[in-house]
Amino acid sequence: MRFAALAHGVEEQLRERGVVLESEVVDQILRNRVDTGAELMRVTPRTALDYAPADLAEIVARAIVEAAETLPETMPCGRPAPSLTHAATEPNTRRAAAAAHPYIRTV
């Protein structure tokens, strides 16, 4: 499985759930997941991708959404937590989410 295809799959899964993240953020999260698997298997990340489950994109997207839902209302620094989940059809919500977090983009 190629990394780019996997990253695109994660982005698609997130869009279906009403979450849009910058591609760079999705890449970082996915790269971390692949690197962790590679370390556990004691192989290179490229080799680990060959052993990735077919539903890895869905697994990663679900984990991102679950993490977003468990964020506290305020972050340790005192800033409001980013609103990562929103209805894809509500532009005002998307704009507010994008303003709250620099990695969220509107569609």
Protein backbone atom coordinates (compact mmCIF):
# COMPACT_ATOMS: atom_id res chain seq x y z
CA MET A 1 0.00 0.00 0.00
CA ARG A 2 1.40 3.39 -0.94
CA PHE A 3 1.54 6.13 1.68
CA ALA A 4 -0.08 8.75 -0.57
CA ALA A 5 -3.05 6.49 -1.28
CA LEU A 6 -3.40 5.71 2.40
CA ALA A 7 -3.27 9.40 3.35
CA HIS A 8 -5.90 10.18 0.72
CA GLY A 9 -8.06 7.39 2.18
CA VAL A 10 -7.78 8.90 5.65
CA GLU A 11 -8.78 12.33 4.31
CA GLU A 12 -11.80 10.80 2.54
CA GLN A 13 -12.85 8.93 5.68
CA LEU A 14 -12.55 12.15 7.69
CA ARG A 15 -14.63 14.09 5.14
CA GLU A 16 -17.36 11.46 5.43
CA ARG A 17 -17.36 12.13 9.17
CA GLY A 18 -17.49 15.91 8.70
CA VAL A 19 -13.86 16.59 9.67
CA VAL A 20 -11.40 18.33 7.36
CA LEU A 21 -7.75 18.57 8.37
CA GLU A 22 -4.83 19.99 6.45
CA SER A 23 -3.06 17.29 4.45
CA GLU A 24 0.17 17.91 6.37
CA VAL A 25 -1.53 17.09 9.67
CA VAL A 26 -3.04 13.90 8.28
CA ASP A 27 0.41 12.95 6.93
CA GLN A 28 2.02 13.54 10.34
CA ILE A 29 -0.59 11.47 12.17
CA LEU A 30 -0.38 8.66 9.63
CA ARG A 31 3.43 8.74 9.51
CA ASN A 32 3.50 8.41 13.30
CA ARG A 33 1.19 5.40 13.11
CA VAL A 34 3.30 3.73 10.40
CA ASP A 35 6.58 4.50 12.20
CA THR A 36 5.22 3.03 15.43
CA GLY A 37 4.19 -0.15 13.63
CA ALA A 38 7.58 -0.33 11.90
CA GLU A 39 9.40 -0.06 15.23
CA LEU A 40 7.27 -2.80 16.76
CA MET A 41 7.90 -5.07 13.77
CA ARG A 42 11.56 -4.04 13.54
CA VAL A 43 11.26 -3.20 9.85
CA THR A 44 11.42 -0.03 7.79
CA PRO A 45 8.30 2.15 7.52
CA ARG A 46 8.04 1.24 3.83
CA THR A 47 7.98 -2.46 4.71
CA ALA A 48 5.46 -1.82 7.48
CA LEU A 49 3.12 -0.28 4.90
CA ASP A 50 3.12 -3.61 3.05
CA TYR A 51 1.64 -5.20 6.18
CA ALA A 52 -0.88 -2.44 6.91
CA PRO A 53 -4.43 -3.69 7.31
CA ALA A 54 -6.78 -2.88 4.43
CA ASP A 55 -8.93 -0.73 6.71
CA LEU A 56 -6.06 1.35 8.16
CA ALA A 57 -7.47 4.56 6.67
CA GLU A 58 -10.77 3.99 8.49
CA ILE A 59 -8.99 3.07 11.72
CA VAL A 60 -6.87 6.24 11.69
CA ALA A 61 -9.85 8.46 10.76
CA ARG A 62 -11.92 6.96 13.59
CA ALA A 63 -9.06 7.55 16.04
CA ILE A 64 -8.77 11.20 14.97
CA VAL A 65 -12.50 11.80 15.40
CA GLU A 66 -12.54 10.06 18.79
CA ALA A 67 -9.56 12.13 19.95
CA ALA A 68 -11.26 15.32 18.81
CA GLU A 69 -14.41 14.43 20.70
CA THR A 70 -12.49 13.90 23.95
CA LEU A 71 -10.61 17.21 23.90
CA PRO A 72 -11.25 19.37 26.96
CA GLU A 73 -12.98 22.70 26.35
CA THR A 74 -9.76 24.54 27.05
CA MET A 75 -6.23 23.48 26.35
CA PRO A 76 -3.48 23.56 29.04
CA CYS A 77 -2.28 26.88 27.62
CA GLY A 78 -5.71 28.40 28.26
CA ARG A 79 -6.78 28.62 24.60
CA PRO A 80 -10.11 27.13 23.60
CA ALA A 81 -9.82 23.64 22.19
CA PRO A 82 -10.12 23.43 18.41
CA SER A 83 -13.49 22.27 17.16
CA LEU A 84 -12.49 19.46 14.83
CA THR A 85 -15.90 17.95 14.29
CA HIS A 86 -18.58 19.87 12.49
CA ALA A 87 -21.34 19.34 10.00
CA ALA A 88 -19.93 19.61 6.51
CA THR A 89 -22.96 21.61 5.39
CA GLU A 90 -22.72 24.35 8.02
CA PRO A 91 -20.35 27.05 6.68
CA ASN A 92 -20.52 29.20 9.84
CA THR A 93 -19.41 26.24 11.94
CA ARG A 94 -16.58 25.51 9.51
CA ARG A 95 -15.37 29.11 9.63
CA ALA A 96 -15.43 29.09 13.42
CA ALA A 97 -13.53 25.80 13.52
CA ALA A 98 -10.95 27.10 11.06
CA ALA A 99 -10.48 30.26 13.11
CA ALA A 100 -10.01 28.20 16.27
CA HIS A 101 -7.37 25.92 14.77
CA PRO A 102 -4.89 26.73 12.00
CA TYR A 103 -4.83 23.17 10.56
CA ILE A 104 -8.53 22.99 9.79
CA ARG A 105 -9.59 24.22 6.41
CA THR A 106 -13.04 24.93 5.11
CA VAL A 107 -14.56 23.22 2.12
